Amino acid sequence: MAKDGAVSPYQVFGRAEWAELRNGTPMTLSAADVERLRSLNDPVSMTEVEEIYLPLSRLLSFYVEATQGLHAATQRFLKVRQEKMPFVIGLAGSVAVGKSTTARILKALLARWPSSPKVDLVTTDGFLLPNATLAAEGLMERKGFPESYDLPALVAFLSDIKAGRPQTTAPVYSHLVYDVVPGERVVVERPDILILEGLNVLQTGRPPKDGKATQFVSDFFDFSIYLDADEAVLADWYVTRFLSLRETAFRDPQSFFRRFALVSEEEARDVALSIWNSINLANLRENIAPTRERADLILRKGASHAIETVMLRKL
């Protein structure tokens, strides 16, 4: 971030400071809801929801209201009447940082606003190229890197969402078989709010050399969040999750990682560290972390998984 004495584009809040901004926003989730929404080895608590996510939900309500007001002003200027456009939230961060839990909690909180908005959640995993394509192009070891996604399809999906298309669809990804599910689609029908969660959603990439116009995923965001943690902490979380999956999902006969359920814990740990260092850490350093400062909000976690610092971009 900003060096000592330098001006930062972010306003930084400690946990206690941020929690005060809840300003009486009611808790609409139960302990059972939070238990259901959190991912494996991501021990988010009710206190975390109250102190971090409720203030964030309140902030987002202001952003949504302001965006809708701007849309209405534009309609008055153009003398037209159009459906309001969906508010799109992008959520980025490393593997194992807890994006899925954050996305699900936000979705549940936003959907329980008094206005009862329709909130959908889509992950970019479904837009990964099929394993057969990745293998044919020598990209299996680059899975999760920008080149492993069908970016034109993802951009087209977001374009349809923002255009107000009554119904659009997205591919479905199975973490069990570690591949896109052929022929299976999730249907998205004109949401009020869409949360798009993925590793590289804040990346822009390089424009085409032929001068043709292009769009990036982040062009469609009304608000963006980056979930952050130290590399060493992320590595530990990844290995811990891998060992937990070895005792659960990896034991499923259909699991892509079935073979790792049959090795010793020490061997599994070595495999997890190897995958982390050669793929996930490389992707984090090359592609994910460099986009952190493009986010409107950065949530920084400590080793306990708790969010310790909140950084909000100044308008």
C-alpha atoms as a PDB file:
ATOM      1  CA  MET A   1       0.000   0.000   0.000  1.00  0.00           C
ATOM      2  CA  ALA A   2       1.144   3.582   0.479  1.00  0.00           C
ATOM      3  CA  LYS A   3       4.630   4.041   1.885  1.00  0.00           C
ATOM      4  CA  ASP A   4       5.182   6.044   5.052  1.00  0.00           C
ATOM      5  CA  GLY A   5       4.332   9.669   4.389  1.00  0.00           C
ATOM      6  CA  ALA A   6       2.693   8.905   1.045  1.00  0.00           C
ATOM      7  CA  VAL A   7      -0.927   9.649   0.276  1.00  0.00           C
ATOM      8  CA  SER A   8      -3.079   6.531   0.017  1.00  0.00           C
ATOM      9  CA  PRO A   9      -6.196   6.210  -2.148  1.00  0.00           C
ATOM     10  CA  TYR A  10      -7.717   4.156   0.696  1.00  0.00           C
ATOM     11  CA  GLN A  11      -9.189   5.017   4.051  1.00  0.00           C
ATOM     12  CA  VAL A  12      -8.016   2.365   6.519  1.00  0.00           C
ATOM     13  CA  PHE A  13     -10.162   1.031   9.376  1.00  0.00           C
ATOM     14  CA  GLY A  14      -9.243  -1.238  12.243  1.00  0.00           C
ATOM     15  CA  ARG A  15     -11.758  -3.909  13.115  1.00  0.00           C
ATOM     16  CA  ALA A  16     -13.301  -1.944  15.991  1.00  0.00           C
ATOM     17  CA  GLU A  17     -13.573   1.239  13.912  1.00  0.00           C
ATOM     18  CA  TRP A  18     -15.279  -0.600  11.076  1.00  0.00           C
ATOM     19  CA  ALA A  19     -17.655  -2.425  13.427  1.00  0.00           C
ATOM     20  CA  GLU A  20     -18.997   0.900  14.694  1.00  0.00           C
ATOM     21  CA  LEU A  21     -20.213   1.679  11.177  1.00  0.00           C
ATOM     22  CA  ARG A  22     -22.851  -1.021  11.498  1.00  0.00           C
ATOM     23  CA  ASN A  23     -24.938   1.773  13.054  1.00  0.00           C
ATOM     24  CA  GLY A  24     -27.684  -0.504  14.265  1.00  0.00           C
ATOM     25  CA  THR A  25     -28.074  -2.534  11.069  1.00  0.00           C
ATOM     26  CA  PRO A  26     -30.124  -5.546  12.226  1.00  0.00           C
ATOM     27  CA  MET A  27     -28.672  -9.040  12.184  1.00  0.00           C
ATOM     28  CA  THR A  28     -30.788 -11.113   9.813  1.00  0.00           C
ATOM     29  CA  LEU A  29     -28.743 -14.329   9.917  1.00  0.00           C
ATOM     30  CA  SER A  30     -28.898 -16.964  12.632  1.00  0.00           C
ATOM     31  CA  ALA A  31     -25.985 -18.992  13.964  1.00  0.00           C
ATOM     32  CA  ALA A  32     -27.294 -21.910  11.917  1.00  0.00           C
ATOM     33  CA  ASP A  33     -27.281 -19.738   8.773  1.00  0.00           C
ATOM     34  CA  VAL A  34     -23.649 -18.778   9.317  1.00  0.00           C
ATOM     35  CA  GLU A  35     -22.679 -22.391   9.967  1.00  0.00           C
ATOM     36  CA  ARG A  36     -24.352 -23.411   6.704  1.00  0.00           C
ATOM     37  CA  LEU A  37     -22.766 -20.622   4.659  1.00  0.00           C
ATOM     38  CA  ARG A  38     -19.142 -21.011   5.687  1.00  0.00           C
ATOM     39  CA  SER A  39     -16.733 -23.175   3.733  1.00  0.00           C
ATOM     40  CA  LEU A  40     -14.503 -25.993   4.949  1.00  0.00           C
ATOM     41  CA  ASN A  41     -11.770 -24.681   7.279  1.00  0.00           C
ATOM     42  CA  ASP A  42     -13.107 -21.125   7.128  1.00  0.00           C
ATOM     43  CA  PRO A  43     -14.337 -20.605  10.716  1.00  0.00           C
ATOM     44  CA  VAL A  44     -16.266 -17.367  10.255  1.00  0.00           C
ATOM     45  CA  SER A  45     -18.220 -16.502  13.390  1.00  0.00           C
ATOM     46  CA  MET A  46     -21.360 -14.558  14.216  1.00  0.00           C
ATOM     47  CA  THR A  47     -19.105 -11.868  15.641  1.00  0.00           C
ATOM     48  CA  GLU A  48     -17.324 -11.625  12.280  1.00  0.00           C
ATOM     49  CA  VAL A  49     -20.644 -11.204  10.497  1.00  0.00           C
ATOM     50  CA  GLU A  50     -21.781  -8.537  12.956  1.00  0.00           C
ATOM     51  CA  GLU A  51     -18.526  -6.564  12.979  1.00  0.00           C
ATOM     52  CA  ILE A  52     -17.441  -6.872   9.337  1.00  0.00           C
ATOM     53  CA  TYR A  53     -20.245  -7.977   7.041  1.00  0.00           C
ATOM     54  CA  LEU A  54     -23.155  -6.005   8.490  1.00  0.00           C
ATOM     55  CA  PRO A  55     -21.316  -2.664   8.090  1.00  0.00           C
ATOM     56  CA  LEU A  56     -20.360  -3.769   4.568  1.00  0.00           C
ATOM     57  CA  SER A  57     -23.990  -4.608   3.797  1.00  0.00           C
ATOM     58  CA  ARG A  58     -24.969  -1.139   5.004  1.00  0.00           C
ATOM     59  CA  LEU A  59     -22.320   0.482   2.816  1.00  0.00           C
ATOM     60  CA  LEU A  60     -23.437  -1.502  -0.223  1.00  0.00           C
ATOM     61  CA  SER A  61     -27.029  -0.396   0.336  1.00  0.00           C
ATOM     62  CA  PHE A  62     -25.844   3.211  -0.058  1.00  0.00           C
ATOM     63  CA  TYR A  63     -23.917   2.347  -3.224  1.00  0.00           C
ATOM     64  CA  VAL A  64     -26.886   0.530  -4.752  1.00  0.00           C
ATOM     65  CA  GLU A  65     -29.226   3.430  -3.923  1.00  0.00           C
ATOM     66  CA  ALA A  66     -26.783   5.973  -5.393  1.00  0.00           C
ATOM     67  CA  THR A  67     -26.300   3.923  -8.559  1.00  0.00           C
ATOM     68  CA  GLN A  68     -30.043   3.595  -9.031  1.00  0.00           C
ATOM     69  CA  GLY A  69     -30.390   7.345  -8.541  1.00  0.00           C
ATOM     70  CA  LEU A  70     -27.786   7.981 -11.233  1.00  0.00           C
ATOM     71  CA  HIS A  71     -29.608   5.591 -13.564  1.00  0.00           C
ATOM     72  CA  ALA A  72     -32.890   7.435 -12.942  1.00  0.00           C
ATOM     73  CA  ALA A  73     -31.205  10.796 -13.614  1.00  0.00           C
ATOM     74  CA  THR A  74     -29.845   9.470 -16.912  1.00  0.00           C
ATOM     75  CA  GLN A  75     -33.324   8.289 -17.882  1.00  0.00           C
ATOM     76  CA  ARG A  76     -34.749  11.730 -17.199  1.00  0.00           C
ATOM     77  CA  PHE A  77     -32.043  13.285 -19.330  1.00  0.00           C
ATOM     78  CA  LEU A  78     -32.686  10.870 -22.206  1.00  0.00           C
ATOM     79  CA  LYS A  79     -36.473  11.035 -21.726  1.00  0.00           C
ATOM     80  CA  VAL A  80     -36.759   7.266 -21.704  1.00  0.00           C
ATOM     81  CA  ARG A  81     -37.997   4.640 -19.282  1.00  0.00           C
ATOM     82  CA  GLN A  82     -35.888   1.514 -18.871  1.00  0.00           C
ATOM     83  CA  GLU A  83     -35.614  -1.285 -16.347  1.00  0.00           C
ATOM     84  CA  LYS A  84     -32.984  -0.592 -13.700  1.00  0.00           C
ATOM     85  CA  MET A  85     -29.692  -2.317 -14.402  1.00  0.00           C
ATOM     86  CA  PRO A  86     -28.363  -5.020 -12.047  1.00  0.00           C
ATOM     87  CA  PHE A  87     -25.755  -3.877  -9.540  1.00  0.00           C
ATOM     88  CA  VAL A  88     -22.690  -6.095 -10.043  1.00  0.00           C
ATOM     89  CA  ILE A  89     -20.217  -6.824  -7.241  1.00  0.00           C
ATOM     90  CA  GLY A  90     -16.861  -8.403  -8.079  1.00  0.00           C
ATOM     91  CA  LEU A  91     -15.077 -10.465  -5.420  1.00  0.00           C
ATOM     92  CA  ALA A  92     -11.424 -11.424  -5.972  1.00  0.00           C
ATOM     93  CA  GLY A  93      -8.610 -13.029  -4.003  1.00  0.00           C
ATOM     94  CA  SER A  94      -6.294 -16.004  -3.770  1.00  0.00           C
ATOM     95  CA  VAL A  95      -7.137 -19.665  -3.609  1.00  0.00           C
ATOM     96  CA  ALA A  96      -7.966 -20.632   0.026  1.00  0.00           C
ATOM     97  CA  VAL A  97      -8.536 -17.040   1.201  1.00  0.00           C
ATOM     98  CA  GLY A  98     -12.251 -17.611   1.836  1.00  0.00           C
ATOM     99  CA  LYS A  99     -13.927 -16.007  -1.183  1.00  0.00           C
ATOM    100  CA  SER A 100     -16.759 -18.543  -1.289  1.00  0.00           C
ATOM    101  CA  THR A 101     -17.727 -17.948   2.336  1.00  0.00           C
ATOM    102  CA  THR A 102     -17.605 -14.175   1.918  1.00  0.00           C
ATOM    103  CA  ALA A 103     -19.688 -14.349  -1.259  1.00  0.00           C
ATOM    104  CA  ARG A 104     -22.358 -16.552   0.321  1.00  0.00           C
ATOM    105  CA  ILE A 105     -22.630 -14.428   3.461  1.00  0.00           C
ATOM    106  CA  LEU A 106     -22.919 -11.244   1.413  1.00  0.00           C
ATOM    107  CA  LYS A 107     -25.570 -12.831  -0.801  1.00  0.00           C
ATOM    108  CA  ALA A 108     -27.622 -13.881   2.225  1.00  0.00           C
ATOM    109  CA  LEU A 109     -27.354 -10.474   3.910  1.00  0.00           C
ATOM    110  CA  LEU A 110     -28.148  -8.473   0.774  1.00  0.00           C
ATOM    111  CA  ALA A 111     -31.165 -10.639  -0.035  1.00  0.00           C
ATOM    112  CA  ARG A 112     -32.584  -9.873   3.415  1.00  0.00           C
ATOM    113  CA  TRP A 113     -32.623  -6.109   3.036  1.00  0.00           C
ATOM    114  CA  PRO A 114     -36.121  -4.653   3.675  1.00  0.00           C
ATOM    115  CA  SER A 115     -36.567  -4.217  -0.101  1.00  0.00           C
ATOM    116  CA  SER A 116     -35.960  -7.979  -0.581  1.00  0.00           C
ATOM    117  CA  PRO A 117     -33.773  -7.653  -3.686  1.00  0.00           C
ATOM    118  CA  LYS A 118     -33.126 -10.624  -5.927  1.00  0.00           C
ATOM    119  CA  VAL A 119     -29.467 -11.526  -5.413  1.00  0.00           C
ATOM    120  CA  ASP A 120     -27.595 -14.094  -7.503  1.00  0.00           C
ATOM    121  CA  LEU A 121     -24.106 -15.487  -7.048  1.00  0.00           C
ATOM    122  CA  VAL A 122     -22.005 -16.806  -9.920  1.00  0.00           C
ATOM    123  CA  THR A 123     -18.416 -18.039  -9.732  1.00  0.00           C
ATOM    124  CA  THR A 124     -15.966 -17.815 -12.602  1.00  0.00           C
ATOM    125  CA  ASP A 125     -15.053 -21.506 -12.127  1.00  0.00           C
ATOM    126  CA  GLY A 126     -17.788 -22.380 -14.608  1.00  0.00           C
ATOM    127  CA  PHE A 127     -15.998 -20.339 -17.251  1.00  0.00           C
ATOM    128  CA  LEU A 128     -12.818 -22.387 -16.990  1.00  0.00           C
ATOM    129  CA  LEU A 129     -12.036 -24.203 -20.202  1.00  0.00           C
ATOM    130  CA  PRO A 130     -12.863 -27.937 -20.017  1.00  0.00           C
ATOM    131  CA  ASN A 131     -10.024 -30.177 -18.875  1.00  0.00           C
ATOM    132  CA  ALA A 132      -9.827 -31.778 -22.320  1.00  0.00           C
ATOM    133  CA  THR A 133      -9.188 -28.370 -23.869  1.00  0.00           C
ATOM    134  CA  LEU A 134      -6.688 -27.400 -21.179  1.00  0.00           C
ATOM    135  CA  ALA A 135      -4.833 -30.687 -21.647  1.00  0.00           C
ATOM    136  CA  ALA A 136      -4.758 -30.314 -25.433  1.00  0.00           C
ATOM    137  CA  GLU A 137      -3.322 -26.806 -25.079  1.00  0.00           C
ATOM    138  CA  GLY A 138      -0.835 -27.754 -22.353  1.00  0.00           C
ATOM    139  CA  LEU A 139      -2.597 -25.625 -19.748  1.00  0.00           C
ATOM    140  CA  MET A 140      -3.553 -28.122 -17.021  1.00  0.00           C
ATOM    141  CA  GLU A 141      -0.704 -26.833 -14.862  1.00  0.00           C
ATOM    142  CA  ARG A 142      -1.990 -23.288 -15.487  1.00  0.00           C
ATOM    143  CA  LYS A 143      -5.539 -23.950 -14.389  1.00  0.00           C
ATOM    144  CA  GLY A 144      -6.846 -20.829 -12.670  1.00  0.00           C
ATOM    145  CA  PHE A 145      -4.464 -18.558 -14.580  1.00  0.00           C
ATOM    146  CA  PRO A 146      -6.163 -16.014 -16.881  1.00  0.00           C
ATOM    147  CA  GLU A 147      -5.434 -18.036 -20.029  1.00  0.00           C
ATOM    148  CA  SER A 148      -7.369 -21.032 -18.651  1.00  0.00           C
ATOM    149  CA  TYR A 149     -10.724 -19.221 -18.818  1.00  0.00           C
ATOM    150  CA  ASP A 150     -13.153 -18.695 -21.666  1.00  0.00           C
ATOM    151  CA  LEU A 151     -12.991 -14.935 -21.214  1.00  0.00           C
ATOM    152  CA  PRO A 152     -15.147 -14.061 -24.263  1.00  0.00           C
ATOM    153  CA  ALA A 153     -17.960 -16.189 -22.803  1.00  0.00           C
ATOM    154  CA  LEU A 154     -17.589 -14.568 -19.372  1.00  0.00           C
ATOM    155  CA  VAL A 155     -17.631 -11.066 -20.849  1.00  0.00           C
ATOM    156  CA  ALA A 156     -20.675 -11.971 -22.969  1.00  0.00           C
ATOM    157  CA  PHE A 157     -22.447 -13.266 -19.853  1.00  0.00           C
ATOM    158  CA  LEU A 158     -21.799 -10.032 -17.949  1.00  0.00           C
ATOM    159  CA  SER A 159     -22.784  -7.954 -20.957  1.00  0.00           C
ATOM    160  CA  ASP A 160     -26.137  -9.744 -21.064  1.00  0.00           C
ATOM    161  CA  ILE A 161     -26.601  -9.188 -17.327  1.00  0.00           C
ATOM    162  CA  LYS A 162     -25.896  -5.466 -17.597  1.00  0.00           C
ATOM    163  CA  ALA A 163     -28.066  -5.145 -20.701  1.00  0.00           C
ATOM    164  CA  GLY A 164     -31.016  -6.416 -18.679  1.00  0.00           C
ATOM    165  CA  ARG A 165     -31.562  -9.574 -20.694  1.00  0.00           C
ATOM    166  CA  PRO A 166     -34.524 -11.369 -19.059  1.00  0.00           C
ATOM    167  CA  GLN A 167     -32.642 -14.645 -18.825  1.00  0.00           C
ATOM    168  CA  THR A 168     -29.024 -15.648 -19.284  1.00  0.00           C
ATOM    169  CA  THR A 169     -27.057 -18.730 -18.307  1.00  0.00           C
ATOM    170  CA  ALA A 170     -23.603 -19.638 -17.020  1.00  0.00           C
ATOM    171  CA  PRO A 171     -21.713 -22.948 -17.129  1.00  0.00           C
ATOM    172  CA  VAL A 172     -21.502 -25.127 -14.025  1.00  0.00           C
ATOM    173  CA  TYR A 173     -18.231 -26.378 -12.528  1.00  0.00           C
ATOM    174  CA  SER A 174     -17.837 -29.452 -10.323  1.00  0.00           C
ATOM    175  CA  HIS A 175     -15.072 -29.312  -7.727  1.00  0.00           C
ATOM    176  CA  LEU A 176     -15.584 -33.037  -7.205  1.00  0.00           C
ATOM    177  CA  VAL A 177     -14.589 -34.023 -10.738  1.00  0.00           C
ATOM    178  CA  TYR A 178     -12.469 -30.868 -11.162  1.00  0.00           C
ATOM    179  CA  ASP A 179     -14.080 -29.977 -14.464  1.00  0.00           C
ATOM    180  CA  VAL A 180     -16.902 -28.101 -16.166  1.00  0.00           C
ATOM    181  CA  VAL A 181     -20.088 -30.196 -16.240  1.00  0.00           C
ATOM    182  CA  PRO A 182     -21.048 -30.769 -19.908  1.00  0.00           C
ATOM    183  CA  GLY A 183     -24.469 -29.397 -20.803  1.00  0.00           C
ATOM    184  CA  GLU A 184     -25.271 -28.120 -17.310  1.00  0.00           C
ATOM    185  CA  ARG A 185     -26.075 -24.421 -16.899  1.00  0.00           C
ATOM    186  CA  VAL A 186     -27.184 -22.146 -14.089  1.00  0.00           C
ATOM    187  CA  VAL A 187     -29.984 -19.765 -15.075  1.00  0.00           C
ATOM    188  CA  VAL A 188     -29.796 -16.124 -14.018  1.00  0.00           C
ATOM    189  CA  GLU A 189     -32.996 -14.129 -14.437  1.00  0.00           C
ATOM    190  CA  ARG A 190     -32.532 -10.349 -14.203  1.00  0.00           C
ATOM    191  CA  PRO A 191     -31.165 -10.043 -10.660  1.00  0.00           C
ATOM    192  CA  ASP A 192     -31.187  -6.792  -8.730  1.00  0.00           C
ATOM    193  CA  ILE A 193     -27.681  -7.639  -7.512  1.00  0.00           C
ATOM    194  CA  LEU A 194     -25.165 -10.077  -8.965  1.00  0.00           C
ATOM    195  CA  ILE A 195     -22.051 -11.200  -7.074  1.00  0.00           C
ATOM    196  CA  LEU A 196     -19.300 -12.522  -9.345  1.00  0.00           C
ATOM    197  CA  GLU A 197     -16.626 -14.396  -7.403  1.00  0.00           C
ATOM    198  CA  GLY A 198     -13.308 -15.506  -8.863  1.00  0.00           C
ATOM    199  CA  LEU A 199      -9.523 -15.430  -8.742  1.00  0.00           C
ATOM    200  CA  ASN A 200      -8.820 -13.023 -11.568  1.00  0.00           C
ATOM    201  CA  VAL A 201     -11.960 -10.924 -11.890  1.00  0.00           C
ATOM    202  CA  LEU A 202     -10.110  -7.640 -11.299  1.00  0.00           C
ATOM    203  CA  GLN A 203      -7.548  -8.266 -13.998  1.00  0.00           C
ATOM    204  CA  THR A 204      -7.540  -6.203 -17.180  1.00  0.00           C
ATOM    205  CA  GLY A 205      -4.894  -7.873 -19.310  1.00  0.00           C
ATOM    206  CA  ARG A 206      -3.409  -6.419 -22.448  1.00  0.00           C
ATOM    207  CA  PRO A 207      -5.547  -4.834 -25.184  1.00  0.00           C
ATOM    208  CA  PRO A 208      -5.457  -6.444 -28.646  1.00  0.00           C
ATOM    209  CA  LYS A 209      -2.589  -5.322 -30.874  1.00  0.00           C
ATOM    210  CA  ASP A 210      -4.931  -4.975 -33.860  1.00  0.00           C
ATOM    211  CA  GLY A 211      -6.654  -1.990 -32.265  1.00  0.00           C
ATOM    212  CA  LYS A 212     -10.038  -3.683 -31.954  1.00  0.00           C
ATOM    213  CA  ALA A 213     -12.226  -2.634 -29.061  1.00  0.00           C
ATOM    214  CA  THR A 214     -12.276  -4.970 -26.096  1.00  0.00           C
ATOM    215  CA  GLN A 215     -13.889  -5.222 -22.675  1.00  0.00           C
ATOM    216  CA  PHE A 216     -12.608  -6.658 -19.417  1.00  0.00           C
ATOM    217  CA  VAL A 217     -14.563  -8.442 -16.708  1.00  0.00           C
ATOM    218  CA  SER A 218     -13.954  -5.622 -14.237  1.00  0.00           C
ATOM    219  CA  ASP A 219     -15.538  -3.101 -16.631  1.00  0.00           C
ATOM    220  CA  PHE A 220     -18.940  -4.422 -15.563  1.00  0.00           C
ATOM    221  CA  PHE A 221     -18.466  -3.987 -11.801  1.00  0.00           C
ATOM    222  CA  ASP A 222     -20.278  -1.349  -9.778  1.00  0.00           C
ATOM    223  CA  PHE A 223     -18.298  -2.314  -6.672  1.00  0.00           C
ATOM    224  CA  SER A 224     -15.326  -4.618  -6.161  1.00  0.00           C
ATOM    225  CA  ILE A 225     -13.862  -6.399  -3.141  1.00  0.00           C
ATOM    226  CA  TYR A 226     -10.454  -8.014  -2.690  1.00  0.00           C
ATOM    227  CA  LEU A 227      -9.960 -10.563   0.093  1.00  0.00           C
ATOM    228  CA  ASP A 228      -6.330 -10.464   1.248  1.00  0.00           C
ATOM    229  CA  ALA A 229      -3.905 -12.350   3.520  1.00  0.00           C
ATOM    230  CA  ASP A 230      -0.174 -12.990   3.782  1.00  0.00           C
ATOM    231  CA  GLU A 231       1.307 -15.623   1.455  1.00  0.00           C
ATOM    232  CA  ALA A 232       2.524 -17.835   4.312  1.00  0.00           C
ATOM    233  CA  VAL A 233      -0.922 -17.774   5.912  1.00  0.00           C
ATOM    234  CA  LEU A 234      -2.603 -18.650   2.617  1.00  0.00           C
ATOM    235  CA  ALA A 235      -0.206 -21.566   2.098  1.00  0.00           C
ATOM    236  CA  ASP A 236      -1.056 -22.926   5.545  1.00  0.00           C
ATOM    237  CA  TRP A 237      -4.791 -22.590   4.907  1.00  0.00           C
ATOM    238  CA  TYR A 238      -4.468 -24.338   1.536  1.00  0.00           C
ATOM    239  CA  VAL A 239      -2.543 -27.284   2.983  1.00  0.00           C
ATOM    240  CA  THR A 240      -4.953 -27.597   5.918  1.00  0.00           C
ATOM    241  CA  ARG A 241      -7.920 -27.608   3.538  1.00  0.00           C
ATOM    242  CA  PHE A 242      -6.243 -30.160   1.263  1.00  0.00           C
ATOM    243  CA  LEU A 243      -5.658 -32.518   4.211  1.00  0.00           C
ATOM    244  CA  SER A 244      -9.273 -32.079   5.355  1.00  0.00           C
ATOM    245  CA  LEU A 245     -10.557 -32.863   1.862  1.00  0.00           C
ATOM    246  CA  ARG A 246      -8.315 -35.941   1.847  1.00  0.00           C
ATOM    247  CA  GLU A 247     -10.484 -37.282   4.683  1.00  0.00           C
ATOM    248  CA  THR A 248     -13.785 -36.259   3.072  1.00  0.00           C
ATOM    249  CA  ALA A 249     -14.451 -35.332  -0.570  1.00  0.00           C
ATOM    250  CA  PHE A 250     -11.295 -36.973  -1.939  1.00  0.00           C
ATOM    251  CA  ARG A 251     -12.613 -40.343  -0.748  1.00  0.00           C
ATOM    252  CA  ASP A 252     -15.510 -40.138  -3.191  1.00  0.00           C
ATOM    253  CA  PRO A 253     -14.837 -42.585  -6.061  1.00  0.00           C
ATOM    254  CA  GLN A 254     -15.685 -39.822  -8.564  1.00  0.00           C
ATOM    255  CA  SER A 255     -13.221 -37.352  -7.088  1.00  0.00           C
ATOM    256  CA  PHE A 256     -10.479 -36.115  -9.413  1.00  0.00           C
ATOM    257  CA  PHE A 257      -8.169 -36.152  -6.381  1.00  0.00           C
ATOM    258  CA  ARG A 258      -9.169 -39.654  -5.234  1.00  0.00           C
ATOM    259  CA  ARG A 259      -5.556 -40.875  -5.449  1.00  0.00           C
ATOM    260  CA  PHE A 260      -4.500 -38.462  -2.700  1.00  0.00           C
ATOM    261  CA  ALA A 261      -6.917 -40.045  -0.239  1.00  0.00           C
ATOM    262  CA  LEU A 262      -4.886 -43.245  -0.477  1.00  0.00           C
ATOM    263  CA  VAL A 263      -1.454 -41.857   0.406  1.00  0.00           C
ATOM    264  CA  SER A 264      -0.010 -41.049   3.821  1.00  0.00           C
ATOM    265  CA  GLU A 265      -0.658 -37.707   5.475  1.00  0.00           C
ATOM    266  CA  GLU A 266       2.998 -36.751   5.001  1.00  0.00           C
ATOM    267  CA  GLU A 267       2.825 -37.520   1.274  1.00  0.00           C
ATOM    268  CA  ALA A 268      -0.446 -35.598   0.956  1.00  0.00           C
ATOM    269  CA  ARG A 269       1.088 -32.610   2.714  1.00  0.00           C
ATOM    270  CA  ASP A 270       4.034 -32.660   0.308  1.00  0.00           C
ATOM    271  CA  VAL A 271       1.663 -32.819  -2.665  1.00  0.00           C
ATOM    272  CA  ALA A 272      -0.390 -29.907  -1.338  1.00  0.00           C
ATOM    273  CA  LEU A 273       2.716 -27.772  -0.828  1.00  0.00           C
ATOM    274  CA  SER A 274       3.930 -28.637  -4.310  1.00  0.00           C
ATOM    275  CA  ILE A 275       0.594 -27.635  -5.875  1.00  0.00           C
ATOM    276  CA  TRP A 276       0.528 -24.454  -3.834  1.00  0.00           C
ATOM    277  CA  ASN A 277       4.048 -23.373  -4.748  1.00  0.00           C
ATOM    278  CA  SER A 278       3.997 -24.326  -8.432  1.00  0.00           C
ATOM    279  CA  ILE A 279       0.458 -23.217  -9.337  1.00  0.00           C
ATOM    280  CA  ASN A 280      -1.462 -21.233  -6.738  1.00  0.00           C
ATOM    281  CA  LEU A 281       1.394 -19.109  -5.404  1.00  0.00           C
ATOM    282  CA  ALA A 282       2.648 -18.416  -8.922  1.00  0.00           C
ATOM    283  CA  ASN A 283      -0.841 -17.326  -9.995  1.00  0.00           C
ATOM    284  CA  LEU A 284      -1.209 -15.178  -6.886  1.00  0.00           C
ATOM    285  CA  ARG A 285       2.049 -13.358  -7.523  1.00  0.00           C
ATOM    286  CA  GLU A 286       1.704 -13.023 -11.285  1.00  0.00           C
ATOM    287  CA  ASN A 287      -1.970 -12.269 -11.694  1.00  0.00           C
ATOM    288  CA  ILE A 288      -4.083 -11.946  -8.555  1.00  0.00           C
ATOM    289  CA  ALA A 289      -2.165  -9.841  -6.014  1.00  0.00           C
ATOM    290  CA  PRO A 290      -1.193  -7.184  -8.607  1.00  0.00           C
ATOM    291  CA  THR A 291      -4.920  -6.381  -9.014  1.00  0.00           C
ATOM    292  CA  ARG A 292      -5.516  -5.799  -5.295  1.00  0.00           C
ATOM    293  CA  GLU A 293      -5.305  -2.012  -5.513  1.00  0.00           C
ATOM    294  CA  ARG A 294      -7.965  -1.970  -8.240  1.00  0.00           C
ATOM    295  CA  ALA A 295     -10.585  -2.996  -5.664  1.00  0.00           C
ATOM    296  CA  ASP A 296     -12.982  -0.558  -4.031  1.00  0.00           C
ATOM    297  CA  LEU A 297     -12.668  -2.433  -0.748  1.00  0.00           C
ATOM    298  CA  ILE A 298      -9.863  -4.621   0.623  1.00  0.00           C
ATOM    299  CA  LEU A 299     -10.621  -7.005   3.488  1.00  0.00           C
ATOM    300  CA  ARG A 300      -7.369  -8.185   5.081  1.00  0.00           C
ATOM    301  CA  LYS A 301      -7.362 -11.375   7.144  1.00  0.00           C
ATOM    302  CA  GLY A 302      -5.032 -12.467   9.907  1.00  0.00           C
ATOM    303  CA  ALA A 303      -3.782 -15.993  10.625  1.00  0.00           C
ATOM    304  CA  SER A 304      -6.959 -16.806  12.597  1.00  0.00           C
ATOM    305  CA  HIS A 305      -9.094 -16.161   9.456  1.00  0.00           C
ATOM    306  CA  ALA A 306     -10.605 -13.081  11.121  1.00  0.00           C
ATOM    307  CA  ILE A 307     -10.659  -9.862   9.112  1.00  0.00           C
ATOM    308  CA  GLU A 308      -8.393  -7.407  10.919  1.00  0.00           C
ATOM    309  CA  THR A 309      -8.260  -4.424   8.559  1.00  0.00           C
ATOM    310  CA  VAL A 310     -10.736  -2.879   6.127  1.00  0.00           C
ATOM    311  CA  MET A 311      -9.540  -0.507   3.403  1.00  0.00           C
ATOM    312  CA  LEU A 312     -12.157   1.539   1.536  1.00  0.00           C
ATOM    313  CA  ARG A 313     -11.187   3.436  -1.586  1.00  0.00           C
ATOM    314  CA  LYS A 314     -11.746   7.166  -1.291  1.00  0.00           C
ATOM    315  CA  LEU A 315     -14.254   8.557  -3.776  1.00  0.00           C
END
